[in-house]
C-alpha atoms as a PDB file:
ATOM      1  CA  MET A   1     128.512  97.522 157.398  1.00  0.00           C
ATOM      2  CA  VAL A   2     126.534  94.440 156.448  1.00  0.00           C
ATOM      3  CA  ARG A   3     123.793  95.224 158.601  1.00  0.00           C
ATOM      4  CA  LYS A   4     123.930  98.706 157.485  1.00  0.00           C
ATOM      5  CA  ILE A   5     123.550  97.475 153.707  1.00  0.00           C
ATOM      6  CA  GLY A   6     121.129  94.844 154.635  1.00  0.00           C
ATOM      7  CA  SER A   7     118.866  97.489 156.522  1.00  0.00           C
ATOM      8  CA  ASN A   8     119.249  99.979 153.444  1.00  0.00           C
ATOM      9  CA  MET A   9     118.228  96.976 151.034  1.00  0.00           C
ATOM     10  CA  THR A  10     115.174  96.558 153.229  1.00  0.00           C
ATOM     11  CA  ASN A  11     114.278 100.383 153.018  1.00  0.00           C
ATOM     12  CA  ILE A  12     114.617 100.121 149.263  1.00  0.00           C
ATOM     13  CA  HIS A  13     112.388  97.054 148.929  1.00  0.00           C
ATOM     14  CA  GLU A  14     109.896  98.715 151.235  1.00  0.00           C
ATOM     15  CA  ALA A  15     109.969 101.792 149.188  1.00  0.00           C
ATOM     16  CA  LEU A  16     109.493  99.819 145.837  1.00  0.00           C
ATOM     17  CA  GLN A  17     106.458  98.386 147.265  1.00  0.00           C
ATOM     18  CA  GLU A  18     104.954 101.499 148.435  1.00  0.00           C
ATOM     19  CA  PHE A  19     105.925 102.803 144.899  1.00  0.00           C
ATOM     20  CA  SER A  20     104.336  99.731 143.457  1.00  0.00           C
ATOM     21  CA  GLY A  21     101.049 100.206 145.380  1.00  0.00           C
ATOM     22  CA  GLN A  22     100.769 103.856 144.566  1.00  0.00           C
ATOM     23  CA  SER A  23     101.591 103.051 140.909  1.00  0.00           C
ATOM     24  CA  GLU A  24      98.527 100.743 140.866  1.00  0.00           C
ATOM     25  CA  GLU A  25      96.281 102.980 142.540  1.00  0.00           C
ATOM     26  CA  PHE A  26      97.157 105.975 139.927  1.00  0.00           C
ATOM     27  CA  SER A  27      96.573 103.049 137.340  1.00  0.00           C
ATOM     28  CA  ALA A  28      92.972 102.384 138.641  1.00  0.00           C
ATOM     29  CA  SER A  29      92.269 105.964 138.778  1.00  0.00           C
ATOM     30  CA  SER A  30      93.377 106.427 135.360  1.00  0.00           C
ATOM     31  CA  GLU A  31      91.127 103.593 134.155  1.00  0.00           C
ATOM     32  CA  GLN A  32      88.156 105.174 136.065  1.00  0.00           C
ATOM     33  CA  VAL A  33      88.964 108.490 134.186  1.00  0.00           C
ATOM     34  CA  ALA A  34      88.823 106.842 130.936  1.00  0.00           C
ATOM     35  CA  ALA A  35      85.750 104.715 131.407  1.00  0.00           C
ATOM     36  CA  ALA A  36      84.084 108.211 132.363  1.00  0.00           C
ATOM     37  CA  THR A  37      85.445 109.793 129.269  1.00  0.00           C
ATOM     38  CA  GLU A  38      84.261 106.966 127.149  1.00  0.00           C
ATOM     39  CA  GLU A  39      80.769 107.291 128.737  1.00  0.00           C
ATOM     40  CA  GLN A  40      80.728 111.195 128.126  1.00  0.00           C
ATOM     41  CA  THR A  41      81.578 110.707 124.566  1.00  0.00           C
ATOM     42  CA  ALA A  42      78.956 108.231 123.995  1.00  0.00           C
ATOM     43  CA  SER A  43      76.430 110.305 125.521  1.00  0.00           C
ATOM     44  CA  MET A  44      77.461 113.616 123.530  1.00  0.00           C
ATOM     45  CA  ASN A  45      77.456 111.385 120.403  1.00  0.00           C
ATOM     46  CA  GLN A  46      73.661 110.318 121.250  1.00  0.00           C
ATOM     47  CA  MET A  47      72.704 113.896 122.016  1.00  0.00           C
ATOM     48  CA  THR A  48      74.280 115.125 118.611  1.00  0.00           C
ATOM     49  CA  PHE A  49      72.227 112.404 116.618  1.00  0.00           C
ATOM     50  CA  SER A  50      69.288 113.483 118.739  1.00  0.00           C
ATOM     51  CA  ALA A  51      69.774 116.917 118.139  1.00  0.00           C
ATOM     52  CA  GLN A  52      70.228 116.211 114.379  1.00  0.00           C
ATOM     53  CA  ALA A  53      66.975 114.194 114.218  1.00  0.00           C
ATOM     54  CA  LEU A  54      64.861 116.856 115.970  1.00  0.00           C
ATOM     55  CA  THR A  55      66.324 119.233 113.351  1.00  0.00           C
ATOM     56  CA  GLN A  56      64.921 117.059 110.495  1.00  0.00           C
ATOM     57  CA  LEU A  57      61.611 116.811 112.266  1.00  0.00           C
ATOM     58  CA  ALA A  58      61.300 120.523 112.682  1.00  0.00           C
ATOM     59  CA  ASP A  59      62.152 121.098 109.269  1.00  0.00           C
ATOM     60  CA  ASN A  60      59.578 118.520 108.065  1.00  0.00           C
ATOM     61  CA  LEU A  61      56.720 119.853 110.141  1.00  0.00           C
ATOM     62  CA  SER A  62      57.738 123.419 108.832  1.00  0.00           C
ATOM     63  CA  LYS A  63      57.204 122.487 105.539  1.00  0.00           C
ATOM     64  CA  MET A  64      53.792 120.760 106.360  1.00  0.00           C
ATOM     65  CA  VAL A  65      52.840 123.791 108.004  1.00  0.00           C
ATOM     66  CA  ALA A  66      53.698 125.927 105.263  1.00  0.00           C
ATOM     67  CA  ILE A  67      51.098 124.286 102.957  1.00  0.00           C
ATOM     68  CA  PHE A  68      48.340 126.221 105.406  1.00  0.00           C
ATOM     69  CA  ASN A  69      49.213 129.926 104.327  1.00  0.00           C
ATOM     70  CA  LEU A  70      46.693 131.933 106.304  1.00  0.00           C
ATOM     71  CA  ASN A  71      48.113 135.289 105.170  1.00  0.00           C
ATOM     72  CA  THR A  72      45.250 135.779 102.297  1.00  0.00           C
END
């Protein structure tokens, strides 16, 4: 009986160690996903800023070109 309890305790200990290792792997994977998401968010923000700047430049160019009205 004592041997069986000791064996069960060993099995439980091994299972907990395996679970702990898997939890650490999952945590590391989650951190990688979070970092990738943060990078993508930063890239999207930069693209939004660039698109807004390009729109402003296009508007300014359109106003400058409108001065030269060739429809006479």
